[in-house]
Amino acid sequence: MPTSLLIQIEKKRKEMTKKAIKHGFSAAVTVRCSQELDRLLNAFDKTHPKAKKS
C-alpha cells in the first residue's frame, strides 16, 4: 500500500538523519540506513511511475 510505504520512507529518513548527526555522514551505520532508504524510494518509484517529459 502506497501510504504505508510513504510512512516507512519518512521514518527511515528521520532515522538516517539522527544517525548522521550522531555518527557522521560517512559512518557505516549511516550509509547502511541510506541504502535502506534508497530501496524504499526505488520501490515507491516503481509503483508511482512519472509521466515522461518531452
C-alpha atoms as a PDB file:
ATOM      1  CA  MET A   1       0.000   0.000   0.000  1.00  0.00           C
ATOM      2  CA  PRO A   2       1.480   3.358  -1.016  1.00  0.00           C
ATOM      3  CA  THR A   3       0.526   5.159   2.185  1.00  0.00           C
ATOM      4  CA  SER A   4       2.383   2.696   4.399  1.00  0.00           C
ATOM      5  CA  LEU A   5       5.362   2.910   2.054  1.00  0.00           C
ATOM      6  CA  LEU A   6       5.394   6.681   2.431  1.00  0.00           C
ATOM      7  CA  ILE A   7       5.290   6.273   6.216  1.00  0.00           C
ATOM      8  CA  GLN A   8       8.225   3.839   6.049  1.00  0.00           C
ATOM      9  CA  ILE A   9      10.151   6.302   3.874  1.00  0.00           C
ATOM     10  CA  GLU A  10       9.579   9.155   6.305  1.00  0.00           C
ATOM     11  CA  LYS A  11      10.575   7.020   9.310  1.00  0.00           C
ATOM     12  CA  LYS A  12      13.737   5.848   7.562  1.00  0.00           C
ATOM     13  CA  ARG A  13      14.599   9.404   6.538  1.00  0.00           C
ATOM     14  CA  LYS A  14      14.315  10.573  10.158  1.00  0.00           C
ATOM     15  CA  GLU A  15      16.331   7.583  11.367  1.00  0.00           C
ATOM     16  CA  MET A  16      19.078   8.309   8.839  1.00  0.00           C
ATOM     17  CA  THR A  17      19.232  11.967   9.867  1.00  0.00           C
ATOM     18  CA  LYS A  18      19.633  11.015  13.532  1.00  0.00           C
ATOM     19  CA  LYS A  19      22.373   8.520  12.691  1.00  0.00           C
ATOM     20  CA  ALA A  20      24.185  11.073  10.544  1.00  0.00           C
ATOM     21  CA  ILE A  21      24.130  13.615  13.361  1.00  0.00           C
ATOM     22  CA  LYS A  22      25.313  11.080  15.938  1.00  0.00           C
ATOM     23  CA  HIS A  23      27.841   9.068  13.896  1.00  0.00           C
ATOM     24  CA  GLY A  24      28.661  11.250  10.881  1.00  0.00           C
ATOM     25  CA  PHE A  25      27.503  11.175   7.288  1.00  0.00           C
ATOM     26  CA  SER A  26      30.078   8.642   6.105  1.00  0.00           C
ATOM     27  CA  ALA A  27      29.754   6.233   9.056  1.00  0.00           C
ATOM     28  CA  ALA A  28      28.857   2.681   8.075  1.00  0.00           C
ATOM     29  CA  VAL A  29      25.651   2.748  10.112  1.00  0.00           C
ATOM     30  CA  THR A  30      24.505   5.930   8.328  1.00  0.00           C
ATOM     31  CA  VAL A  31      25.421   4.595   4.887  1.00  0.00           C
ATOM     32  CA  ARG A  32      23.521   1.361   5.573  1.00  0.00           C
ATOM     33  CA  CYS A  33      20.470   3.357   6.600  1.00  0.00           C
ATOM     34  CA  SER A  34      20.801   5.495   3.475  1.00  0.00           C
ATOM     35  CA  GLN A  35      20.876   2.364   1.324  1.00  0.00           C
ATOM     36  CA  GLU A  36      17.720   1.093   3.023  1.00  0.00           C
ATOM     37  CA  LEU A  37      16.074   4.450   2.308  1.00  0.00           C
ATOM     38  CA  ASP A  38      17.182   4.165  -1.330  1.00  0.00           C
ATOM     39  CA  ARG A  39      15.476   0.764  -1.585  1.00  0.00           C
ATOM     40  CA  LEU A  40      12.244   2.200  -0.179  1.00  0.00           C
ATOM     41  CA  LEU A  41      12.391   5.167  -2.555  1.00  0.00           C
ATOM     42  CA  ASN A  42      13.033   2.862  -5.526  1.00  0.00           C
ATOM     43  CA  ALA A  43      10.037   0.735  -4.522  1.00  0.00           C
ATOM     44  CA  PHE A  44       7.913   3.883  -4.388  1.00  0.00           C
ATOM     45  CA  ASP A  45       9.142   4.981  -7.830  1.00  0.00           C
ATOM     46  CA  LYS A  46       8.240   1.591  -9.296  1.00  0.00           C
ATOM     47  CA  THR A  47       4.688   1.856  -8.010  1.00  0.00           C
ATOM     48  CA  HIS A  48       4.312   5.524  -8.990  1.00  0.00           C
ATOM     49  CA  PRO A  49       5.809   5.981 -12.458  1.00  0.00           C
ATOM     50  CA  LYS A  50       6.309   9.570 -13.529  1.00  0.00           C
ATOM     51  CA  ALA A  51       4.979  10.932 -16.771  1.00  0.00           C
ATOM     52  CA  LYS A  52       7.730  11.350 -19.349  1.00  0.00           C
ATOM     53  CA  LYS A  53       8.738  14.909 -20.127  1.00  0.00           C
ATOM     54  CA  SER A  54       9.182  15.729 -23.785  1.00  0.00           C
END
